[in-house]
Amino acid sequence: MENLHVAIIMDGNGRWAEERGWPRSRGHRAGAGAVRRVVEASPRLGIGTLTLYAFSSDNWRRPAPEVATLMALFRNFLDSEAGACRREGVRLSVIGRRDRLSAALVTTIEQAEAATAAGQVLNLRLAVDYSSRDAIAAAAALHQGAVASREAFRTLLARSQHGDPATPDVDLLIRTGREQRLSDFLLWECAYAELLFSNVLWPDFTGEDLGQAVETFGRRNRRFGRLPEACMAEPERKTAFR
């Protein structure tokens, strides 16, 4: 296996803190450490694209102080990690809406994307103010009678969320935090993804946990609608990193 696209719903920051009697904000800060661990581990595990669900469009419903903390943490992460990403060959991009983000945060996003644009070791995508259903609806609005092919719609879907149409579909979707749902994340791109739900709360998630998830993925039989015998007769499918 190589050049996998792994997507992670990073769930459990608030509960991790609450279980320790700490404010939820402390859990979100601890979660940044888990992000660094999985980014560092990804290339050696054959992961070419890593998409992390940082803030859903529904998260705007949370208390204003918690939202402000998350936005500040996100901006600080981009400021502090862009240089390291550039040095390590990590291309950093952000998918989702930007019209509801602060002007300062949008500027930071654009600067981080520009600084890391040449990275080819890992494509790190952060989903911020992201809703898969909203992205699909926006892509449908852009369609306007164009040829109704999957590839054409894929391009429109990428345009609707500041994405790259060359990004491969998700191979493995991981959700931490003891929950088992997709929460409006990459619904189109996860059409044939393998799903793995972990009881580990996100701040405790390690590179070893990611490695175990990839190992479990490697034991699964991905048929893409075919019979098992046909899959065994064909060479292993590889997804090119672009």
Protein backbone atom coordinates (compact mmCIF):
# COMPACT_ATOMS: atom_id res chain seq x y z
CA MET A 1 0.00 0.00 0.00
CA GLU A 2 1.19 3.47 -0.79
CA ASN A 3 -0.13 6.96 -1.38
CA LEU A 4 -3.29 6.36 0.59
CA HIS A 5 -5.83 9.07 1.30
CA VAL A 6 -6.71 8.92 4.99
CA ALA A 7 -9.38 11.19 6.46
CA ILE A 8 -9.80 11.65 10.21
CA ILE A 9 -12.70 13.04 12.23
CA MET A 10 -10.75 14.32 15.24
CA ASP A 11 -13.35 13.80 17.94
CA GLY A 12 -13.06 13.82 21.72
CA ASN A 13 -11.07 16.93 22.65
CA GLY A 14 -13.73 18.38 24.93
CA ARG A 15 -14.56 15.07 26.63
CA TRP A 16 -10.86 14.39 27.16
CA ALA A 17 -10.58 17.62 29.12
CA GLU A 18 -13.87 17.24 30.98
CA GLU A 19 -12.93 13.74 32.16
CA ARG A 20 -9.90 15.33 33.82
CA GLY A 21 -11.84 18.20 35.34
CA TRP A 22 -10.31 20.73 32.94
CA PRO A 23 -11.95 23.31 30.64
CA ARG A 24 -12.76 22.10 27.14
CA SER A 25 -10.28 24.60 25.69
CA ARG A 26 -7.45 22.61 27.23
CA GLY A 27 -8.60 19.56 25.28
CA HIS A 28 -8.55 21.50 22.03
CA ARG A 29 -5.00 22.64 22.73
CA ALA A 30 -3.95 19.07 23.51
CA GLY A 31 -5.52 17.98 20.24
CA ALA A 32 -2.99 20.07 18.32
CA GLY A 33 -0.29 17.73 19.60
CA ALA A 34 -2.12 14.76 18.12
CA VAL A 35 -2.24 16.55 14.77
CA ARG A 36 1.54 16.92 14.81
CA ARG A 37 1.96 13.22 15.66
CA VAL A 38 -0.20 11.94 12.82
CA VAL A 39 1.33 14.34 10.30
CA GLU A 40 4.79 13.14 11.24
CA ALA A 41 3.78 9.47 11.06
CA SER A 42 1.80 9.62 7.81
CA PRO A 43 4.55 9.51 5.15
CA ARG A 44 6.21 6.41 6.59
CA LEU A 45 2.82 4.65 6.64
CA GLY A 46 2.26 5.19 2.92
CA ILE A 47 -0.19 8.05 3.35
CA GLY A 48 0.03 10.62 0.56
CA THR A 49 -3.06 12.66 1.46
CA LEU A 50 -4.31 13.35 4.98
CA THR A 51 -7.58 15.25 5.49
CA LEU A 52 -8.43 16.34 9.03
CA TYR A 53 -11.86 17.56 10.12
CA ALA A 54 -10.95 20.61 12.17
CA PHE A 55 -14.23 22.56 12.32
CA SER A 56 -17.59 21.64 10.82
CA SER A 57 -20.15 24.17 9.63
CA ASP A 58 -22.41 22.93 12.44
CA ASN A 59 -19.74 23.78 15.02
CA TRP A 60 -20.76 27.45 14.75
CA ARG A 61 -23.61 26.44 17.08
CA ARG A 62 -21.19 25.91 19.96
CA PRO A 63 -20.72 28.59 22.63
CA ALA A 64 -18.99 31.69 21.27
CA PRO A 65 -15.97 31.42 23.63
CA GLU A 66 -15.28 27.86 22.48
CA VAL A 67 -15.57 28.87 18.82
CA ALA A 68 -13.19 31.78 19.42
CA THR A 69 -10.70 29.41 21.07
CA LEU A 70 -10.86 27.01 18.14
CA MET A 71 -10.30 29.76 15.60
CA ALA A 72 -7.38 31.17 17.55
CA LEU A 73 -5.83 27.70 17.85
CA PHE A 74 -6.26 27.11 14.15
CA ARG A 75 -4.58 30.38 13.25
CA ASN A 76 -1.74 29.71 15.70
CA PHE A 77 -1.28 26.24 14.25
CA LEU A 78 -0.94 27.62 10.73
CA ASP A 79 1.49 30.31 11.88
CA SER A 80 3.66 27.91 13.85
CA GLU A 81 3.61 24.90 11.55
CA ALA A 82 3.82 26.38 8.04
CA GLY A 83 7.61 26.63 8.22
CA ALA A 84 8.02 23.06 9.41
CA CYS A 85 5.60 21.83 6.76
CA ARG A 86 7.60 23.59 4.06
CA ARG A 87 10.86 22.06 5.29
CA GLU A 88 9.37 18.56 5.51
CA GLY A 89 7.73 18.69 2.08
CA VAL A 90 4.17 18.89 3.43
CA ARG A 91 1.70 20.79 1.28
CA LEU A 92 -0.91 22.41 3.49
CA SER A 93 -4.34 23.43 2.23
CA VAL A 94 -7.70 24.30 3.75
CA ILE A 95 -11.06 23.15 2.39
CA GLY A 96 -14.43 24.58 3.32
CA ARG A 97 -16.06 28.00 3.34
CA ARG A 98 -14.02 31.12 3.97
CA ASP A 99 -16.64 33.85 3.88
CA ARG A 100 -17.50 33.33 7.56
CA LEU A 101 -13.88 33.28 8.76
CA SER A 102 -12.14 36.44 9.95
CA ALA A 103 -10.09 38.36 7.41
CA ALA A 104 -6.97 37.75 9.50
CA LEU A 105 -7.55 34.00 9.49
CA VAL A 106 -8.17 33.92 5.74
CA THR A 107 -4.91 35.80 5.20
CA THR A 108 -3.06 33.30 7.40
CA ILE A 109 -4.58 30.41 5.44
CA GLU A 110 -3.54 31.90 2.12
CA GLN A 111 -0.01 32.56 3.38
CA ALA A 112 0.38 29.00 4.69
CA GLU A 113 -0.93 27.53 1.44
CA ALA A 114 1.44 29.66 -0.64
CA ALA A 115 4.43 28.87 1.57
CA THR A 116 3.90 25.10 1.34
CA ALA A 117 2.60 24.81 -2.22
CA ALA A 118 5.69 22.93 -3.45
CA GLY A 119 5.40 20.11 -0.89
CA GLN A 120 5.23 16.61 -2.38
CA VAL A 121 5.80 14.32 0.61
CA LEU A 122 2.31 14.73 2.10
CA ASN A 123 -0.82 16.61 1.08
CA LEU A 124 -2.26 17.82 4.39
CA ARG A 125 -5.78 19.19 4.09
CA LEU A 126 -7.62 20.83 6.99
CA ALA A 127 -11.41 21.06 6.75
CA VAL A 128 -12.59 24.29 8.36
CA ASP A 129 -16.20 25.56 8.23
CA TYR A 130 -16.80 22.44 6.17
CA SER A 131 -20.07 20.69 5.33
CA SER A 132 -20.13 17.93 2.74
CA ARG A 133 -23.83 18.40 2.05
CA ASP A 134 -23.34 22.15 1.56
CA ALA A 135 -20.38 21.47 -0.75
CA ILE A 136 -22.44 19.03 -2.85
CA ALA A 137 -25.33 21.51 -3.03
CA ALA A 138 -22.94 24.28 -4.09
CA ALA A 139 -21.40 22.04 -6.75
CA ALA A 140 -24.86 21.20 -8.07
CA ALA A 141 -25.62 24.92 -8.34
CA LEU A 142 -22.41 25.36 -10.37
CA HIS A 143 -23.37 22.48 -12.65
CA GLN A 144 -25.94 24.45 -14.68
CA GLY A 145 -26.63 21.83 -17.34
CA ALA A 146 -23.06 20.65 -17.87
CA VAL A 147 -22.38 17.03 -18.81
CA ALA A 148 -23.50 14.92 -15.88
CA SER A 149 -20.39 12.80 -15.38
CA ARG A 150 -18.76 11.92 -12.09
CA GLU A 151 -15.47 13.51 -13.08
CA ALA A 152 -17.13 16.76 -14.15
CA PHE A 153 -19.04 16.93 -10.88
CA ARG A 154 -15.87 16.11 -8.95
CA THR A 155 -14.23 19.20 -10.41
CA LEU A 156 -17.20 21.36 -9.46
CA LEU A 157 -17.20 19.89 -5.96
CA ALA A 158 -13.55 20.84 -5.52
CA ARG A 159 -14.27 24.38 -6.74
CA SER A 160 -17.08 24.72 -4.23
CA GLN A 161 -14.79 24.11 -1.25
CA HIS A 162 -11.37 25.52 -2.25
CA GLY A 163 -10.21 21.98 -3.03
CA ASP A 164 -8.04 20.36 -5.69
CA PRO A 165 -9.93 18.11 -8.16
CA ALA A 166 -6.82 15.94 -8.46
CA THR A 167 -7.15 14.84 -4.82
CA PRO A 168 -7.94 11.11 -4.79
CA ASP A 169 -11.00 9.67 -3.08
CA VAL A 170 -10.67 8.65 0.55
CA ASP A 171 -9.31 5.15 1.16
CA LEU A 172 -9.66 5.06 4.94
CA LEU A 173 -11.86 7.17 7.21
CA ILE A 174 -11.01 7.16 10.92
CA ARG A 175 -13.17 8.65 13.64
CA THR A 176 -11.81 8.89 17.16
CA GLY A 177 -13.71 9.62 20.35
CA ARG A 178 -16.05 6.60 20.75
CA GLU A 179 -18.66 7.83 18.27
CA GLN A 180 -19.68 6.05 15.07
CA ARG A 181 -21.04 8.49 12.51
CA LEU A 182 -19.78 10.49 9.51
CA SER A 183 -21.00 13.93 10.68
CA ASP A 184 -21.30 15.42 7.19
CA PHE A 185 -17.63 14.81 6.30
CA LEU A 186 -16.47 14.03 2.74
CA LEU A 187 -19.64 12.10 1.87
CA TRP A 188 -18.93 12.03 -1.89
CA GLU A 189 -15.23 11.29 -1.47
CA CYS A 190 -15.91 8.47 1.02
CA ALA A 191 -18.20 6.50 -1.29
CA TYR A 192 -15.86 3.47 -1.14
CA ALA A 193 -13.80 4.34 1.92
CA GLU A 194 -13.13 1.78 4.61
CA LEU A 195 -14.42 3.00 7.98
CA LEU A 196 -12.66 2.62 11.30
CA PHE A 197 -14.05 3.90 14.62
CA SER A 198 -11.65 4.27 17.53
CA ASN A 199 -12.44 4.55 21.23
CA VAL A 200 -9.31 6.68 21.71
CA LEU A 201 -10.07 10.34 22.38
CA TRP A 202 -8.27 12.56 19.90
CA PRO A 203 -5.67 14.13 22.26
CA ASP A 204 -4.44 10.61 23.08
CA PHE A 205 -4.25 9.46 19.46
CA THR A 206 -0.68 8.58 18.43
CA GLY A 207 1.32 7.63 15.38
CA GLU A 208 1.11 4.04 16.61
CA ASP A 209 -2.70 4.25 16.62
CA LEU A 210 -2.58 5.53 13.06
CA GLY A 211 -0.26 2.70 12.10
CA GLN A 212 -2.63 0.13 13.57
CA ALA A 213 -5.51 1.67 11.64
CA VAL A 214 -3.56 1.46 8.38
CA GLU A 215 -2.63 -2.15 9.19
CA THR A 216 -6.30 -2.99 9.74
CA PHE A 217 -7.14 -1.27 6.46
CA GLY A 218 -4.57 -3.43 4.68
CA ARG A 219 -6.39 -6.59 5.77
CA ARG A 220 -9.71 -5.51 4.32
CA ASN A 221 -10.93 -6.75 0.95
CA ARG A 222 -11.91 -3.73 -1.14
CA ARG A 223 -14.11 -4.93 -4.00
CA PHE A 224 -15.50 -1.68 -5.50
CA GLY A 225 -18.64 -3.58 -6.56
CA ARG A 226 -16.79 -6.57 -8.01
CA LEU A 227 -16.77 -10.20 -6.91
CA PRO A 228 -13.95 -11.21 -4.53
CA GLU A 229 -12.44 -13.52 -7.16
CA ALA A 230 -12.09 -10.63 -9.61
CA CYS A 231 -10.30 -8.54 -6.99
CA MET A 232 -7.80 -11.31 -6.31
CA ALA A 233 -7.01 -11.59 -10.00
CA GLU A 234 -6.26 -7.88 -10.42
CA PRO A 235 -3.14 -6.04 -9.20
CA GLU A 236 -3.47 -3.94 -6.07
CA ARG A 237 -5.09 -0.57 -6.77
CA LYS A 238 -2.78 2.35 -6.10
CA THR A 239 -3.81 5.95 -5.80
CA ALA A 240 -1.34 8.42 -7.23
CA PHE A 241 -0.39 11.42 -5.10
CA ARG A 242 -0.64 14.60 -7.12
